[in-house]
N, C-alpha and C. Protein backbone atom coordinates (compact mmCIF):
# COMPACT_ATOMS: atom_id res chain seq x y z
N MET A 1 44.94 47.95 29.25
CA MET A 1 44.93 50.00 28.96
C MET A 1 45.36 50.24 27.68
N PRO A 2 44.99 51.49 27.46
CA PRO A 2 44.73 52.31 26.07
C PRO A 2 45.46 53.94 26.00
N LYS A 3 46.82 54.10 25.85
CA LYS A 3 47.72 55.10 26.51
C LYS A 3 47.82 55.93 24.89
N ALA A 4 48.33 57.01 24.88
CA ALA A 4 48.10 58.41 24.28
C ALA A 4 49.72 58.12 22.97
N THR A 5 49.56 57.63 22.09
CA THR A 5 49.48 57.16 21.56
C THR A 5 50.38 57.27 19.83
N ALA A 6 50.86 57.67 18.93
CA ALA A 6 50.58 57.19 18.27
C ALA A 6 49.62 56.50 16.91
N LYS A 7 49.86 55.51 17.35
CA LYS A 7 48.89 54.79 17.35
C LYS A 7 47.48 54.82 18.53
N THR A 8 46.69 54.79 17.63
CA THR A 8 45.51 55.34 18.30
C THR A 8 44.88 53.93 19.28
N PRO A 9 44.74 53.48 20.72
CA PRO A 9 44.34 52.52 20.99
C PRO A 9 43.06 51.66 20.52
N LYS A 10 42.75 50.39 21.11
CA LYS A 10 41.90 49.35 20.31
C LYS A 10 41.22 49.24 21.74
N CYS A 11 39.96 49.17 21.69
CA CYS A 11 38.56 48.48 22.80
C CYS A 11 39.17 47.62 23.07
N VAL A 12 39.44 47.32 24.32
CA VAL A 12 39.14 45.80 25.37
C VAL A 12 37.85 44.64 24.44
N SER A 13 36.62 45.23 24.75
CA SER A 13 35.91 45.42 24.74
C SER A 13 34.74 44.05 23.06
N CYS A 14 35.37 45.57 21.82
CA CYS A 14 35.14 44.72 19.98
C CYS A 14 36.13 44.93 19.56
N ASP A 15 37.01 45.34 19.89
CA ASP A 15 38.63 45.77 19.40
C ASP A 15 37.84 46.65 18.41
N GLU A 16 37.44 48.03 18.09
CA GLU A 16 37.21 49.17 17.48
C GLU A 16 38.26 50.34 17.86
N SER A 17 38.37 50.68 16.62
CA SER A 17 39.30 51.99 17.83
C SER A 17 38.95 53.39 18.10
N MET A 18 39.58 53.59 19.80
CA MET A 18 39.20 54.50 20.05
C MET A 18 39.26 55.96 20.11
N GLU A 19 38.78 56.88 21.02
CA GLU A 19 39.53 58.79 20.94
C GLU A 19 38.83 58.89 22.05
N ILE A 20 40.00 59.97 21.66
CA ILE A 20 40.71 60.30 23.39
C ILE A 20 39.23 61.13 23.85
N GLY A 21 39.75 61.78 24.96
CA GLY A 21 38.87 62.34 25.48
C GLY A 21 38.14 63.14 26.86
N TYR A 22 37.66 63.17 27.37
CA TYR A 22 37.08 64.11 29.14
C TYR A 22 36.56 63.69 29.89
N VAL A 23 35.86 63.44 30.34
CA VAL A 23 34.69 63.37 31.48
C VAL A 23 34.53 64.28 31.85
N THR A 24 33.86 65.43 32.08
CA THR A 24 33.30 66.88 33.11
C THR A 24 31.65 66.68 33.95
N ARG A 25 31.25 67.74 34.46
CA ARG A 25 30.35 67.76 35.38
C ARG A 25 29.81 69.08 34.90
N PRO A 26 29.01 69.81 33.96
CA PRO A 26 28.37 70.68 33.66
C PRO A 26 28.72 71.81 35.00
N LEU A 27 29.20 72.23 35.38
CA LEU A 27 28.82 74.01 36.85
C LEU A 27 27.67 75.03 36.39
N LEU A 28 27.23 75.59 37.06
CA LEU A 28 27.00 76.62 36.32
C LEU A 28 27.33 77.76 35.69
N GLY A 29 27.59 78.56 35.21
CA GLY A 29 28.75 79.46 35.08
C GLY A 29 30.98 79.15 35.55
N ALA A 30 30.47 77.82 35.07
CA ALA A 30 32.04 77.44 35.30
C ALA A 30 32.75 77.89 33.70
N PRO A 31 33.41 77.54 34.05
CA PRO A 31 34.46 77.16 32.54
C PRO A 31 34.86 75.38 32.39
N LEU A 32 34.43 74.26 31.49
CA LEU A 32 34.16 72.77 31.50
C LEU A 32 36.40 73.15 32.02
N GLN A 33 36.07 71.52 32.90
CA GLN A 33 37.07 71.71 33.68
C GLN A 33 37.17 70.38 33.82
N PRO A 34 38.22 68.93 33.56
CA PRO A 34 38.00 67.71 33.10
C PRO A 34 38.64 67.51 35.14
N PHE A 35 38.28 66.22 34.60
CA PHE A 35 38.18 65.78 36.20
C PHE A 35 39.70 65.30 36.81
N VAL A 36 40.34 65.64 38.08
CA VAL A 36 41.57 65.00 38.26
C VAL A 36 41.66 64.31 38.81
N TRP A 37 42.50 62.42 39.58
CA TRP A 37 42.58 62.49 40.39
C TRP A 37 43.36 62.63 41.56
N VAL A 38 43.00 62.75 41.98
CA VAL A 38 43.94 62.59 44.25
C VAL A 38 44.36 61.72 44.31
N ALA A 39 46.04 61.87 45.14
CA ALA A 39 46.36 60.83 45.70
C ALA A 39 45.46 61.23 46.96
N GLY A 40 45.38 60.40 48.05
CA GLY A 40 44.59 60.59 48.76
C GLY A 40 43.45 60.27 49.64
N ARG A 41 42.69 59.46 50.30
CA ARG A 41 42.18 60.53 50.78
C ARG A 41 40.80 62.39 50.24
N PRO A 42 39.75 61.45 50.04
CA PRO A 42 38.37 62.37 50.04
C PRO A 42 38.92 63.40 51.40
N MET A 43 38.37 65.17 51.22
CA MET A 43 38.98 65.91 52.17
C MET A 43 36.96 65.15 51.95
N THR A 44 36.90 66.09 53.90
CA THR A 44 35.47 65.85 54.91
C THR A 44 35.85 66.66 55.78
N PRO A 45 34.98 68.18 55.89
CA PRO A 45 34.75 68.54 56.93
C PRO A 45 36.09 68.77 58.48
N ALA A 46 35.70 67.44 59.06
CA ALA A 46 37.21 66.58 60.05
C ALA A 46 38.07 66.92 58.90
N ASN A 47 37.99 66.80 58.52
CA ASN A 47 40.26 66.67 58.14
C ASN A 47 40.40 68.19 57.41
N LEU A 48 39.79 68.61 56.61
CA LEU A 48 39.30 70.29 56.36
C LEU A 48 39.65 71.11 57.85
N ARG A 49 39.61 71.65 57.90
CA ARG A 49 40.48 71.20 59.47
C ARG A 49 42.13 71.41 60.11
N ALA A 50 42.42 70.05 59.39
CA ALA A 50 44.11 70.17 59.53
C ALA A 50 44.05 70.38 58.00
N GLY A 51 43.53 70.67 57.45
CA GLY A 51 44.30 71.90 56.10
C GLY A 51 44.63 70.88 55.07
N PRO A 52 45.29 71.12 53.53
CA PRO A 52 45.50 70.51 52.56
C PRO A 52 46.01 69.46 52.59
N LYS A 53 46.18 68.24 52.74
CA LYS A 53 47.70 67.49 52.21
C LYS A 53 48.03 66.55 50.87
N ARG A 54 47.08 67.20 49.92
CA ARG A 54 46.72 66.74 49.06
C ARG A 54 47.99 67.80 48.01
N THR A 55 48.65 66.44 47.46
CA THR A 55 49.64 66.78 47.13
C THR A 55 49.82 66.28 45.12
N LYS A 56 49.50 65.91 44.76
CA LYS A 56 49.91 64.70 43.87
C LYS A 56 48.61 64.40 43.33
N THR A 57 48.31 65.01 41.75
CA THR A 57 46.54 65.23 41.32
C THR A 57 47.30 65.04 39.72
N LEU A 58 46.56 63.83 39.03
CA LEU A 58 46.77 64.10 38.21
C LEU A 58 45.24 63.94 37.15
N VAL A 59 45.29 64.66 35.36
CA VAL A 59 44.29 64.84 34.63
C VAL A 59 43.94 63.82 34.08
N VAL A 60 42.39 63.22 34.56
CA VAL A 60 41.97 61.44 33.58
C VAL A 60 42.39 62.45 32.28
N THR A 61 42.16 60.81 32.04
CA THR A 61 41.75 60.94 30.45
C THR A 61 40.48 60.29 30.19
N ALA A 62 39.86 60.33 29.17
CA ALA A 62 38.90 59.38 29.08
C ALA A 62 38.83 59.07 27.30
N TRP A 63 39.09 57.78 27.43
CA TRP A 63 38.65 56.81 25.54
C TRP A 63 37.06 56.55 25.82
N ARG A 64 36.65 56.76 24.77
CA ARG A 64 36.17 56.31 24.06
C ARG A 64 35.85 55.39 22.87
N CYS A 65 35.02 53.93 22.82
CA CYS A 65 34.95 52.56 21.33
C CYS A 65 34.11 53.76 20.34
N LYS A 66 34.67 53.60 19.51
CA LYS A 66 33.47 54.05 18.28
C LYS A 66 32.83 53.03 17.32
N GLY A 67 33.03 52.25 18.08
CA GLY A 67 32.98 50.79 17.85
C GLY A 67 31.69 50.32 19.53
N CYS A 68 31.35 50.74 19.73
CA CYS A 68 29.96 50.81 21.56
C CYS A 68 30.64 51.26 22.42
N GLY A 69 30.92 52.34 22.72
CA GLY A 69 30.42 53.29 23.78
C GLY A 69 30.84 53.25 24.04
N ARG A 70 32.39 51.98 24.02
CA ARG A 70 32.38 51.70 25.96
C ARG A 70 33.46 52.58 26.38
N LEU A 71 33.69 52.86 27.18
CA LEU A 71 34.54 54.86 28.51
C LEU A 71 35.57 53.96 29.28
N ASP A 72 37.15 54.11 29.03
CA ASP A 72 37.85 53.87 29.32
C ASP A 72 39.27 54.31 30.23
N SER A 73 38.36 55.43 31.55
CA SER A 73 39.81 56.14 32.78
C SER A 73 40.95 55.98 32.49
N PHE A 74 41.49 57.35 32.66
CA PHE A 74 43.16 56.34 32.96
C PHE A 74 43.00 57.53 33.66
N ALA A 75 44.45 57.95 34.31
CA ALA A 75 44.97 59.11 35.53
C ALA A 75 47.15 58.68 34.34
N ASN A 76 47.50 59.26 33.69
CA ASN A 76 48.21 59.31 33.39
C ASN A 76 49.72 60.25 33.65
């Protein structure tokens, strides 16, 4: 798994260097926000009534291979 270190990680598919970034969904009129990983099950209308119980969130970091374009995502 590539990690954010002083050394640039290599792609596990083609051994080229990777570059760091993030994946986001475009929302009209909203600033770009990175995806986050949230512990637990997704919220549904049924469990929203009980109130949110999620406490742990992590920003998802995406690495893109400069050679083959492979994306690897990690929640560090």
